[in-house]
């Protein structure tokens, strides 16, 4: 197992290095000087003079060679310095620590909701293939997958306001501060995202379970008289999890990165809205470090997925 973990870490490290290079180059090859675009007329409510632009370039190190800028950026990241907002001078690390838990809660709750709904329905649909239950569940899945989560979020907000006169809190409240207020912030987006993800999980579980039900060892277990419940619990369920874990891992990586449309629909001050605010004000340093943070989240999540594979199926440790 330790050798398997080392191999996966050996892949993750150069991946992170390549991501930093791509992000750095992408931010530098964009057309136009970002600071000049910030200070130009029509792009901001504030106009920067030439002296202010020159001073800003010097303070941000943009007048240095590119390789020096890159190494300096890596050094700051290694020290945990994510930079600061160009306009408010607020450290990005403070923003992430304040908004990150909100996005993390939404992502975790959404995945939990998707598993609670999707996995049992998918297994039941596979066991009772072509029954009325299977046909109804597939119809619901197709319909749900066609509905955008942000549209569902808007409908939920409108119905809550019209029917129950409820309005979502607009301030950042953490779970350990006021649990009830915090749940009012995160449950709406989590349900909207979890329903859509549940449809994907259900479809993936059903297709994988059907493949497992056709395996030789399942037919052998049936021939030995193993009951349907025991068959599903001991053979079908665990061997159907790998694709479901992959789908959930990719989804949670995107959710942790911030679902911009859904957070905007509910007015949630998470990482997604932070990125939108940075793009709106052309706060390029914040954009650069936020994109790196999202990429690191994906790498870490995929590493955890690989490790969970080895735990569920020991044969993978030797591949």
C-alpha atoms as a PDB file:
ATOM      1  CA  UNK A   1       0.000   0.000   0.000  1.00  0.00           C
ATOM      2  CA  UNK A   2       2.814   2.420   0.875  1.00  0.00           C
ATOM      3  CA  UNK A   3       4.448   1.828  -2.511  1.00  0.00           C
ATOM      4  CA  UNK A   4       1.138   2.570  -4.231  1.00  0.00           C
ATOM      5  CA  UNK A   5       0.777   5.832  -2.277  1.00  0.00           C
ATOM      6  CA  UNK A   6       4.328   6.885  -3.192  1.00  0.00           C
ATOM      7  CA  UNK A   7       3.632   6.254  -6.877  1.00  0.00           C
ATOM      8  CA  UNK A   8       0.529   8.414  -6.760  1.00  0.00           C
ATOM      9  CA  UNK A   9       2.393  11.181  -4.935  1.00  0.00           C
ATOM     10  CA  UNK A  10       5.148  11.012  -7.538  1.00  0.00           C
ATOM     11  CA  UNK A  11       2.511  11.733 -10.185  1.00  0.00           C
ATOM     12  CA  UNK A  12       0.818  14.500  -8.204  1.00  0.00           C
ATOM     13  CA  UNK A  13       3.963  16.593  -7.609  1.00  0.00           C
ATOM     14  CA  UNK A  14       4.908  17.183 -11.288  1.00  0.00           C
ATOM     15  CA  UNK A  15       1.218  17.722 -12.052  1.00  0.00           C
ATOM     16  CA  UNK A  16       1.080  20.587  -9.553  1.00  0.00           C
ATOM     17  CA  UNK A  17       4.305  22.026 -10.968  1.00  0.00           C
ATOM     18  CA  UNK A  18       2.894  21.907 -14.501  1.00  0.00           C
ATOM     19  CA  UNK A  19      -0.302  23.595 -13.318  1.00  0.00           C
ATOM     20  CA  UNK A  20       1.648  26.493 -11.797  1.00  0.00           C
ATOM     21  CA  UNK A  21       3.553  26.978 -15.063  1.00  0.00           C
ATOM     22  CA  UNK A  22       0.357  26.964 -17.141  1.00  0.00           C
ATOM     23  CA  UNK A  23      -1.440  29.398 -14.838  1.00  0.00           C
ATOM     24  CA  UNK A  24       1.546  31.767 -14.751  1.00  0.00           C
ATOM     25  CA  UNK A  25       1.917  31.754 -18.535  1.00  0.00           C
ATOM     26  CA  UNK A  26      -1.818  32.119 -19.127  1.00  0.00           C
ATOM     27  CA  UNK A  27      -2.023  35.216 -16.943  1.00  0.00           C
ATOM     28  CA  UNK A  28       0.936  36.778 -18.794  1.00  0.00           C
ATOM     29  CA  UNK A  29      -0.118  36.045 -22.373  1.00  0.00           C
ATOM     30  CA  UNK A  30      -3.561  37.601 -21.990  1.00  0.00           C
ATOM     31  CA  UNK A  31      -3.825  40.600 -24.307  1.00  0.00           C
ATOM     32  CA  UNK A  32      -3.153  43.953 -22.706  1.00  0.00           C
ATOM     33  CA  UNK A  33      -1.497  45.060 -19.491  1.00  0.00           C
ATOM     34  CA  UNK A  34      -3.780  44.007 -16.614  1.00  0.00           C
ATOM     35  CA  UNK A  35      -2.908  47.072 -14.565  1.00  0.00           C
ATOM     36  CA  UNK A  36      -3.448  49.391 -17.510  1.00  0.00           C
ATOM     37  CA  UNK A  37      -6.808  47.702 -18.140  1.00  0.00           C
ATOM     38  CA  UNK A  38      -7.714  48.226 -14.484  1.00  0.00           C
ATOM     39  CA  UNK A  39      -6.883  51.880 -14.682  1.00  0.00           C
ATOM     40  CA  UNK A  40      -8.421  52.592 -18.078  1.00  0.00           C
ATOM     41  CA  UNK A  41     -11.591  54.566 -18.509  1.00  0.00           C
ATOM     42  CA  UNK A  42     -14.774  52.505 -18.621  1.00  0.00           C
ATOM     43  CA  UNK A  43     -13.213  49.454 -16.953  1.00  0.00           C
ATOM     44  CA  UNK A  44     -13.379  50.695 -13.371  1.00  0.00           C
ATOM     45  CA  UNK A  45     -14.904  53.374 -11.244  1.00  0.00           C
ATOM     46  CA  UNK A  46     -11.379  54.544 -10.455  1.00  0.00           C
ATOM     47  CA  UNK A  47      -8.759  55.830 -12.926  1.00  0.00           C
ATOM     48  CA  UNK A  48      -5.081  55.263 -12.149  1.00  0.00           C
ATOM     49  CA  UNK A  49      -2.451  57.762 -13.186  1.00  0.00           C
ATOM     50  CA  UNK A  50       0.788  56.739 -14.926  1.00  0.00           C
ATOM     51  CA  UNK A  51       2.694  57.250 -11.671  1.00  0.00           C
ATOM     52  CA  UNK A  52       0.260  54.999  -9.793  1.00  0.00           C
ATOM     53  CA  UNK A  53       0.515  52.321 -12.495  1.00  0.00           C
ATOM     54  CA  UNK A  54       4.340  52.417 -12.367  1.00  0.00           C
ATOM     55  CA  UNK A  55       4.283  52.199  -8.582  1.00  0.00           C
ATOM     56  CA  UNK A  56       1.821  49.286  -8.706  1.00  0.00           C
ATOM     57  CA  UNK A  57       3.984  47.408 -11.228  1.00  0.00           C
ATOM     58  CA  UNK A  58       7.016  47.839  -8.993  1.00  0.00           C
ATOM     59  CA  UNK A  59       5.177  46.758  -5.824  1.00  0.00           C
ATOM     60  CA  UNK A  60       3.786  43.678  -7.596  1.00  0.00           C
ATOM     61  CA  UNK A  61       7.137  42.853  -9.185  1.00  0.00           C
ATOM     62  CA  UNK A  62       5.845  43.133 -12.746  1.00  0.00           C
ATOM     63  CA  UNK A  63       8.939  45.074 -13.808  1.00  0.00           C
ATOM     64  CA  UNK A  64      11.170  42.062 -13.089  1.00  0.00           C
ATOM     65  CA  UNK A  65      12.028  39.229 -15.545  1.00  0.00           C
ATOM     66  CA  UNK A  66       9.372  36.559 -15.942  1.00  0.00           C
ATOM     67  CA  UNK A  67      11.419  33.765 -14.398  1.00  0.00           C
ATOM     68  CA  UNK A  68      12.056  35.938 -11.334  1.00  0.00           C
ATOM     69  CA  UNK A  69       8.332  36.663 -11.063  1.00  0.00           C
ATOM     70  CA  UNK A  70       7.547  32.953 -11.320  1.00  0.00           C
ATOM     71  CA  UNK A  71      10.061  31.898  -8.669  1.00  0.00           C
ATOM     72  CA  UNK A  72       8.920  34.700  -6.383  1.00  0.00           C
ATOM     73  CA  UNK A  73       5.314  33.585  -6.809  1.00  0.00           C
ATOM     74  CA  UNK A  74       6.211  29.977  -5.978  1.00  0.00           C
ATOM     75  CA  UNK A  75       8.099  31.171  -2.900  1.00  0.00           C
ATOM     76  CA  UNK A  76       5.062  33.130  -1.717  1.00  0.00           C
ATOM     77  CA  UNK A  77       2.785  30.114  -2.271  1.00  0.00           C
ATOM     78  CA  UNK A  78       5.193  27.833  -0.389  1.00  0.00           C
ATOM     79  CA  UNK A  79       5.076  30.252   2.571  1.00  0.00           C
ATOM     80  CA  UNK A  80       1.277  30.321   2.463  1.00  0.00           C
ATOM     81  CA  UNK A  81       1.179  33.883   1.140  1.00  0.00           C
ATOM     82  CA  UNK A  82      -1.641  33.987  -1.430  1.00  0.00           C
ATOM     83  CA  UNK A  83      -1.251  37.691  -2.090  1.00  0.00           C
ATOM     84  CA  UNK A  84      -3.801  40.404  -1.522  1.00  0.00           C
ATOM     85  CA  UNK A  85      -6.568  42.226  -3.299  1.00  0.00           C
ATOM     86  CA  UNK A  86      -5.333  45.052  -5.501  1.00  0.00           C
ATOM     87  CA  UNK A  87      -8.256  47.286  -4.511  1.00  0.00           C
ATOM     88  CA  UNK A  88      -8.974  46.470  -0.867  1.00  0.00           C
ATOM     89  CA  UNK A  89      -5.459  45.293   0.142  1.00  0.00           C
ATOM     90  CA  UNK A  90      -7.159  42.417   2.013  1.00  0.00           C
ATOM     91  CA  UNK A  91      -5.092  39.203   2.055  1.00  0.00           C
ATOM     92  CA  UNK A  92      -6.560  36.458  -0.118  1.00  0.00           C
ATOM     93  CA  UNK A  93      -5.831  33.905   2.610  1.00  0.00           C
ATOM     94  CA  UNK A  94      -8.277  35.741   4.902  1.00  0.00           C
ATOM     95  CA  UNK A  95     -10.928  35.661   2.171  1.00  0.00           C
ATOM     96  CA  UNK A  96     -10.395  31.935   1.615  1.00  0.00           C
ATOM     97  CA  UNK A  97     -10.543  31.150   5.338  1.00  0.00           C
ATOM     98  CA  UNK A  98     -13.768  33.130   5.660  1.00  0.00           C
ATOM     99  CA  UNK A  99     -15.534  31.983   2.486  1.00  0.00           C
ATOM    100  CA  UNK A 100     -13.955  28.570   1.975  1.00  0.00           C
ATOM    101  CA  UNK A 101     -15.865  26.749   4.745  1.00  0.00           C
ATOM    102  CA  UNK A 102     -19.160  27.896   3.211  1.00  0.00           C
ATOM    103  CA  UNK A 103     -18.276  26.436  -0.211  1.00  0.00           C
ATOM    104  CA  UNK A 104     -16.877  23.301   1.451  1.00  0.00           C
ATOM    105  CA  UNK A 105     -20.124  22.737   3.371  1.00  0.00           C
ATOM    106  CA  UNK A 106     -22.188  23.172   0.223  1.00  0.00           C
ATOM    107  CA  UNK A 107     -19.985  20.685  -1.656  1.00  0.00           C
ATOM    108  CA  UNK A 108     -20.003  18.061   1.106  1.00  0.00           C
ATOM    109  CA  UNK A 109     -23.752  18.334   1.741  1.00  0.00           C
ATOM    110  CA  UNK A 110     -24.456  18.158  -2.018  1.00  0.00           C
ATOM    111  CA  UNK A 111     -22.421  14.951  -2.385  1.00  0.00           C
ATOM    112  CA  UNK A 112     -24.076  13.416   0.686  1.00  0.00           C
ATOM    113  CA  UNK A 113     -27.528  14.236  -0.701  1.00  0.00           C
ATOM    114  CA  UNK A 114     -26.568  12.781  -4.090  1.00  0.00           C
ATOM    115  CA  UNK A 115     -25.391   9.521  -2.507  1.00  0.00           C
ATOM    116  CA  UNK A 116     -28.410   9.202  -0.212  1.00  0.00           C
ATOM    117  CA  UNK A 117     -30.732   9.535  -3.214  1.00  0.00           C
ATOM    118  CA  UNK A 118     -28.696   8.238  -6.149  1.00  0.00           C
ATOM    119  CA  UNK A 119     -27.026   5.066  -4.856  1.00  0.00           C
ATOM    120  CA  UNK A 120     -30.107   3.286  -3.398  1.00  0.00           C
ATOM    121  CA  UNK A 121     -32.313   4.237  -6.346  1.00  0.00           C
ATOM    122  CA  UNK A 122     -29.623   3.152  -8.810  1.00  0.00           C
ATOM    123  CA  UNK A 123     -29.146  -0.221  -7.130  1.00  0.00           C
ATOM    124  CA  UNK A 124     -32.893  -0.808  -6.906  1.00  0.00           C
ATOM    125  CA  UNK A 125     -33.325   0.174 -10.536  1.00  0.00           C
ATOM    126  CA  UNK A 126     -30.599  -2.265 -11.611  1.00  0.00           C
ATOM    127  CA  UNK A 127     -31.978  -5.143  -9.521  1.00  0.00           C
ATOM    128  CA  UNK A 128     -35.482  -4.551 -10.940  1.00  0.00           C
ATOM    129  CA  UNK A 129     -34.392  -3.852 -14.473  1.00  0.00           C
ATOM    130  CA  UNK A 130     -37.134  -2.893 -16.975  1.00  0.00           C
ATOM    131  CA  UNK A 131     -39.774  -2.769 -14.241  1.00  0.00           C
ATOM    132  CA  UNK A 132     -42.080   0.209 -13.785  1.00  0.00           C
ATOM    133  CA  UNK A 133     -39.779   1.457 -11.023  1.00  0.00           C
ATOM    134  CA  UNK A 134     -36.793   1.336 -13.378  1.00  0.00           C
ATOM    135  CA  UNK A 135     -38.664   3.185 -16.113  1.00  0.00           C
ATOM    136  CA  UNK A 136     -39.936   5.889 -13.755  1.00  0.00           C
ATOM    137  CA  UNK A 137     -36.522   6.433 -12.185  1.00  0.00           C
ATOM    138  CA  UNK A 138     -34.863   6.761 -15.597  1.00  0.00           C
ATOM    139  CA  UNK A 139     -37.499   9.285 -16.658  1.00  0.00           C
ATOM    140  CA  UNK A 140     -36.914  11.320 -13.506  1.00  0.00           C
ATOM    141  CA  UNK A 141     -33.140  11.124 -13.982  1.00  0.00           C
ATOM    142  CA  UNK A 142     -33.327  12.343 -17.578  1.00  0.00           C
ATOM    143  CA  UNK A 143     -35.588  15.226 -16.566  1.00  0.00           C
ATOM    144  CA  UNK A 144     -33.419  16.193 -13.591  1.00  0.00           C
ATOM    145  CA  UNK A 145     -30.209  16.141 -15.618  1.00  0.00           C
ATOM    146  CA  UNK A 146     -31.792  18.545 -18.096  1.00  0.00           C
ATOM    147  CA  UNK A 147     -32.571  21.118 -15.388  1.00  0.00           C
ATOM    148  CA  UNK A 148     -29.675  23.490 -14.553  1.00  0.00           C
ATOM    149  CA  UNK A 149     -28.900  23.678 -10.848  1.00  0.00           C
ATOM    150  CA  UNK A 150     -28.901  27.480 -10.833  1.00  0.00           C
ATOM    151  CA  UNK A 151     -32.425  27.526 -12.352  1.00  0.00           C
ATOM    152  CA  UNK A 152     -33.590  25.083  -9.709  1.00  0.00           C
ATOM    153  CA  UNK A 153     -31.961  27.316  -7.102  1.00  0.00           C
ATOM    154  CA  UNK A 154     -33.812  30.376  -8.385  1.00  0.00           C
ATOM    155  CA  UNK A 155     -37.118  28.482  -8.266  1.00  0.00           C
ATOM    156  CA  UNK A 156     -36.397  27.360  -4.699  1.00  0.00           C
ATOM    157  CA  UNK A 157     -35.601  30.919  -3.631  1.00  0.00           C
ATOM    158  CA  UNK A 158     -38.709  32.353  -5.314  1.00  0.00           C
ATOM    159  CA  UNK A 159     -41.016  29.711  -3.810  1.00  0.00           C
ATOM    160  CA  UNK A 160     -39.495  30.202  -0.354  1.00  0.00           C
ATOM    161  CA  UNK A 161     -39.956  33.964  -0.569  1.00  0.00           C
ATOM    162  CA  UNK A 162     -43.482  33.836  -2.001  1.00  0.00           C
ATOM    163  CA  UNK A 163     -44.897  31.019   0.119  1.00  0.00           C
ATOM    164  CA  UNK A 164     -42.985  31.249   3.388  1.00  0.00           C
ATOM    165  CA  UNK A 165     -41.669  34.836   3.291  1.00  0.00           C
ATOM    166  CA  UNK A 166     -38.175  33.442   3.868  1.00  0.00           C
ATOM    167  CA  UNK A 167     -35.051  35.219   2.692  1.00  0.00           C
ATOM    168  CA  UNK A 168     -31.587  33.628   2.712  1.00  0.00           C
ATOM    169  CA  UNK A 169     -29.038  35.308   5.010  1.00  0.00           C
ATOM    170  CA  UNK A 170     -26.556  37.431   3.065  1.00  0.00           C
ATOM    171  CA  UNK A 171     -23.801  37.600   5.678  1.00  0.00           C
ATOM    172  CA  UNK A 172     -21.057  35.039   6.209  1.00  0.00           C
ATOM    173  CA  UNK A 173     -21.958  32.934   9.256  1.00  0.00           C
ATOM    174  CA  UNK A 174     -19.906  29.851  10.088  1.00  0.00           C
ATOM    175  CA  UNK A 175     -21.339  26.595  11.415  1.00  0.00           C
ATOM    176  CA  UNK A 176     -19.541  26.909  14.761  1.00  0.00           C
ATOM    177  CA  UNK A 177     -20.876  30.449  15.267  1.00  0.00           C
ATOM    178  CA  UNK A 178     -24.624  30.155  14.576  1.00  0.00           C
ATOM    179  CA  UNK A 179     -25.500  26.665  13.270  1.00  0.00           C
ATOM    180  CA  UNK A 180     -29.108  27.450  12.341  1.00  0.00           C
ATOM    181  CA  UNK A 181     -28.213  30.584  10.377  1.00  0.00           C
ATOM    182  CA  UNK A 182     -25.341  28.758   8.705  1.00  0.00           C
ATOM    183  CA  UNK A 183     -27.604  25.901   7.604  1.00  0.00           C
ATOM    184  CA  UNK A 184     -30.008  28.422   6.103  1.00  0.00           C
ATOM    185  CA  UNK A 185     -27.124  29.644   3.952  1.00  0.00           C
ATOM    186  CA  UNK A 186     -25.760  26.306   2.755  1.00  0.00           C
ATOM    187  CA  UNK A 187     -28.742  23.922   2.613  1.00  0.00           C
ATOM    188  CA  UNK A 188     -30.483  25.632  -0.310  1.00  0.00           C
ATOM    189  CA  UNK A 189     -27.499  25.519  -2.694  1.00  0.00           C
ATOM    190  CA  UNK A 190     -26.590  22.025  -1.437  1.00  0.00           C
ATOM    191  CA  UNK A 191     -30.061  20.685  -2.251  1.00  0.00           C
ATOM    192  CA  UNK A 192     -30.108  22.367  -5.679  1.00  0.00           C
ATOM    193  CA  UNK A 193     -26.694  20.922  -6.539  1.00  0.00           C
ATOM    194  CA  UNK A 194     -27.313  17.574  -4.823  1.00  0.00           C
ATOM    195  CA  UNK A 195     -30.475  16.835  -6.802  1.00  0.00           C
ATOM    196  CA  UNK A 196     -28.680  17.297 -10.115  1.00  0.00           C
ATOM    197  CA  UNK A 197     -25.691  15.272  -8.950  1.00  0.00           C
ATOM    198  CA  UNK A 198     -27.991  12.552  -7.587  1.00  0.00           C
ATOM    199  CA  UNK A 199     -29.315  11.984 -11.110  1.00  0.00           C
ATOM    200  CA  UNK A 200     -25.762  11.432 -12.380  1.00  0.00           C
ATOM    201  CA  UNK A 201     -24.907   9.150  -9.444  1.00  0.00           C
ATOM    202  CA  UNK A 202     -28.098   7.145  -9.917  1.00  0.00           C
ATOM    203  CA  UNK A 203     -27.405   6.623 -13.627  1.00  0.00           C
ATOM    204  CA  UNK A 204     -23.782   5.652 -12.967  1.00  0.00           C
ATOM    205  CA  UNK A 205     -24.772   3.272 -10.141  1.00  0.00           C
ATOM    206  CA  UNK A 206     -27.414   1.591 -12.276  1.00  0.00           C
ATOM    207  CA  UNK A 207     -25.138   0.989 -15.267  1.00  0.00           C
ATOM    208  CA  UNK A 208     -22.273  -0.276 -13.095  1.00  0.00           C
ATOM    209  CA  UNK A 209     -24.548  -2.507 -11.023  1.00  0.00           C
ATOM    210  CA  UNK A 210     -25.948  -4.061 -14.197  1.00  0.00           C
ATOM    211  CA  UNK A 211     -22.413  -4.946 -15.282  1.00  0.00           C
ATOM    212  CA  UNK A 212     -21.638  -6.457 -11.882  1.00  0.00           C
ATOM    213  CA  UNK A 213     -24.871  -8.482 -11.908  1.00  0.00           C
ATOM    214  CA  UNK A 214     -23.693 -10.122 -15.115  1.00  0.00           C
ATOM    215  CA  UNK A 215     -20.339 -11.249 -13.670  1.00  0.00           C
ATOM    216  CA  UNK A 216     -19.567 -14.926 -13.118  1.00  0.00           C
ATOM    217  CA  UNK A 217     -19.078 -14.634  -9.361  1.00  0.00           C
ATOM    218  CA  UNK A 218     -22.556 -13.098  -8.998  1.00  0.00           C
ATOM    219  CA  UNK A 219     -24.133 -15.936 -10.959  1.00  0.00           C
ATOM    220  CA  UNK A 220     -22.195 -18.405  -8.819  1.00  0.00           C
ATOM    221  CA  UNK A 221     -23.451 -16.742  -5.629  1.00  0.00           C
ATOM    222  CA  UNK A 222     -27.015 -16.947  -6.932  1.00  0.00           C
ATOM    223  CA  UNK A 223     -26.565 -20.609  -7.806  1.00  0.00           C
ATOM    224  CA  UNK A 224     -25.420 -21.286  -4.243  1.00  0.00           C
ATOM    225  CA  UNK A 225     -28.687 -19.839  -2.966  1.00  0.00           C
ATOM    226  CA  UNK A 226     -27.498 -16.442  -1.742  1.00  0.00           C
ATOM    227  CA  UNK A 227     -30.460 -14.109  -1.138  1.00  0.00           C
ATOM    228  CA  UNK A 228     -31.047 -10.966  -3.157  1.00  0.00           C
ATOM    229  CA  UNK A 229     -30.311  -8.587  -0.270  1.00  0.00           C
ATOM    230  CA  UNK A 230     -27.113 -10.355   0.721  1.00  0.00           C
ATOM    231  CA  UNK A 231     -26.051 -10.495  -2.933  1.00  0.00           C
ATOM    232  CA  UNK A 232     -26.485  -6.759  -3.367  1.00  0.00           C
ATOM    233  CA  UNK A 233     -24.898  -5.902  -0.011  1.00  0.00           C
ATOM    234  CA  UNK A 234     -21.834  -8.157  -0.256  1.00  0.00           C
ATOM    235  CA  UNK A 235     -21.120  -8.294  -3.983  1.00  0.00           C
ATOM    236  CA  UNK A 236     -22.957  -5.726  -6.088  1.00  0.00           C
ATOM    237  CA  UNK A 237     -22.733  -2.633  -3.877  1.00  0.00           C
ATOM    238  CA  UNK A 238     -19.004  -2.577  -3.177  1.00  0.00           C
ATOM    239  CA  UNK A 239     -17.988  -3.552  -6.697  1.00  0.00           C
ATOM    240  CA  UNK A 240     -20.218  -0.823  -8.136  1.00  0.00           C
ATOM    241  CA  UNK A 241     -18.610   1.955  -6.106  1.00  0.00           C
ATOM    242  CA  UNK A 242     -15.469   2.736  -8.143  1.00  0.00           C
ATOM    243  CA  UNK A 243     -17.137   4.672 -10.997  1.00  0.00           C
ATOM    244  CA  UNK A 244     -19.470   6.327  -8.492  1.00  0.00           C
ATOM    245  CA  UNK A 245     -16.503   7.484  -6.405  1.00  0.00           C
ATOM    246  CA  UNK A 246     -14.825   8.852  -9.537  1.00  0.00           C
ATOM    247  CA  UNK A 247     -17.929  10.818 -10.479  1.00  0.00           C
ATOM    248  CA  UNK A 248     -18.362  12.098  -6.926  1.00  0.00           C
ATOM    249  CA  UNK A 249     -14.705  13.062  -6.657  1.00  0.00           C
ATOM    250  CA  UNK A 250     -14.746  15.088  -9.854  1.00  0.00           C
ATOM    251  CA  UNK A 251     -17.996  16.706  -8.758  1.00  0.00           C
ATOM    252  CA  UNK A 252     -16.763  17.604  -5.281  1.00  0.00           C
ATOM    253  CA  UNK A 253     -13.618  19.112  -6.799  1.00  0.00           C
ATOM    254  CA  UNK A 254     -15.742  21.405  -8.920  1.00  0.00           C
ATOM    255  CA  UNK A 255     -18.072  22.187  -6.033  1.00  0.00           C
ATOM    256  CA  UNK A 256     -15.191  23.073  -3.716  1.00  0.00           C
ATOM    257  CA  UNK A 257     -13.835  25.323  -6.435  1.00  0.00           C
ATOM    258  CA  UNK A 258     -17.086  27.207  -6.285  1.00  0.00           C
ATOM    259  CA  UNK A 259     -20.281  26.903  -8.277  1.00  0.00           C
ATOM    260  CA  UNK A 260     -20.646  30.460  -9.449  1.00  0.00           C
ATOM    261  CA  UNK A 261     -24.197  30.379 -10.841  1.00  0.00           C
ATOM    262  CA  UNK A 262     -25.762  28.534  -7.909  1.00  0.00           C
ATOM    263  CA  UNK A 263     -23.985  30.636  -5.294  1.00  0.00           C
ATOM    264  CA  UNK A 264     -25.109  33.763  -7.137  1.00  0.00           C
ATOM    265  CA  UNK A 265     -28.713  32.517  -7.305  1.00  0.00           C
ATOM    266  CA  UNK A 266     -28.810  32.058  -3.527  1.00  0.00           C
ATOM    267  CA  UNK A 267     -26.627  35.067  -2.747  1.00  0.00           C
ATOM    268  CA  UNK A 268     -24.072  32.846  -0.988  1.00  0.00           C
ATOM    269  CA  UNK A 269     -20.727  34.571  -0.303  1.00  0.00           C
ATOM    270  CA  UNK A 270     -18.559  31.582  -1.242  1.00  0.00           C
ATOM    271  CA  UNK A 271     -15.434  31.062  -3.324  1.00  0.00           C
ATOM    272  CA  UNK A 272     -17.405  31.147  -6.566  1.00  0.00           C
ATOM    273  CA  UNK A 273     -18.710  34.646  -5.930  1.00  0.00           C
ATOM    274  CA  UNK A 274     -15.222  35.698  -4.833  1.00  0.00           C
ATOM    275  CA  UNK A 275     -13.856  34.683  -8.228  1.00  0.00           C
ATOM    276  CA  UNK A 276     -16.643  36.590  -9.983  1.00  0.00           C
ATOM    277  CA  UNK A 277     -15.858  39.679  -7.932  1.00  0.00           C
ATOM    278  CA  UNK A 278     -12.151  39.374  -8.780  1.00  0.00           C
ATOM    279  CA  UNK A 279     -12.910  39.060 -12.492  1.00  0.00           C
ATOM    280  CA  UNK A 280     -15.314  41.980 -12.383  1.00  0.00           C
ATOM    281  CA  UNK A 281     -12.693  44.263 -10.834  1.00  0.00           C
ATOM    282  CA  UNK A 282      -9.860  42.689 -12.875  1.00  0.00           C
ATOM    283  CA  UNK A 283      -8.017  41.818  -9.672  1.00  0.00           C
ATOM    284  CA  UNK A 284      -5.567  39.627 -11.577  1.00  0.00           C
ATOM    285  CA  UNK A 285      -3.392  38.528  -8.634  1.00  0.00           C
ATOM    286  CA  UNK A 286      -6.466  37.240  -6.816  1.00  0.00           C
ATOM    287  CA  UNK A 287      -7.658  35.518 -10.005  1.00  0.00           C
ATOM    288  CA  UNK A 288      -4.278  33.837 -10.479  1.00  0.00           C
ATOM    289  CA  UNK A 289      -4.105  32.473  -6.940  1.00  0.00           C
ATOM    290  CA  UNK A 290      -7.765  31.429  -6.848  1.00  0.00           C
ATOM    291  CA  UNK A 291      -7.351  29.446 -10.070  1.00  0.00           C
ATOM    292  CA  UNK A 292      -4.270  27.790  -8.561  1.00  0.00           C
ATOM    293  CA  UNK A 293      -6.256  26.976  -5.421  1.00  0.00           C
ATOM    294  CA  UNK A 294      -9.022  25.367  -7.496  1.00  0.00           C
ATOM    295  CA  UNK A 295      -6.455  23.338  -9.435  1.00  0.00           C
ATOM    296  CA  UNK A 296      -4.814  22.138  -6.212  1.00  0.00           C
ATOM    297  CA  UNK A 297      -8.216  21.074  -4.911  1.00  0.00           C
ATOM    298  CA  UNK A 298      -8.742  18.934  -8.017  1.00  0.00           C
ATOM    299  CA  UNK A 299      -5.296  17.332  -7.675  1.00  0.00           C
ATOM    300  CA  UNK A 300      -5.823  16.525  -3.992  1.00  0.00           C
ATOM    301  CA  UNK A 301      -9.326  15.163  -4.599  1.00  0.00           C
ATOM    302  CA  UNK A 302      -8.096  12.932  -7.428  1.00  0.00           C
ATOM    303  CA  UNK A 303      -5.264  11.692  -5.199  1.00  0.00           C
ATOM    304  CA  UNK A 304      -7.810  10.772  -2.522  1.00  0.00           C
ATOM    305  CA  UNK A 305      -9.903   9.007  -5.170  1.00  0.00           C
ATOM    306  CA  UNK A 306      -6.896   6.881  -6.174  1.00  0.00           C
ATOM    307  CA  UNK A 307      -6.270   5.963  -2.536  1.00  0.00           C
ATOM    308  CA  UNK A 308      -9.927   5.058  -2.017  1.00  0.00           C
ATOM    309  CA  UNK A 309      -9.691   2.761  -5.062  1.00  0.00           C
ATOM    310  CA  UNK A 310      -6.893   0.822  -3.383  1.00  0.00           C
ATOM    311  CA  UNK A 311      -8.913   0.547  -0.179  1.00  0.00           C
ATOM    312  CA  UNK A 312     -12.059  -0.722  -1.921  1.00  0.00           C
ATOM    313  CA  UNK A 313     -10.336  -3.016  -4.420  1.00  0.00           C
ATOM    314  CA  UNK A 314      -6.947  -4.338  -3.155  1.00  0.00           C
ATOM    315  CA  UNK A 315      -6.060  -5.546  -6.653  1.00  0.00           C
ATOM    316  CA  UNK A 316      -5.522  -1.940  -7.747  1.00  0.00           C
ATOM    317  CA  UNK A 317      -2.575  -1.574  -5.356  1.00  0.00           C
ATOM    318  CA  UNK A 318      -0.505  -3.811  -7.625  1.00  0.00           C
ATOM    319  CA  UNK A 319      -1.277  -2.002 -10.905  1.00  0.00           C
END
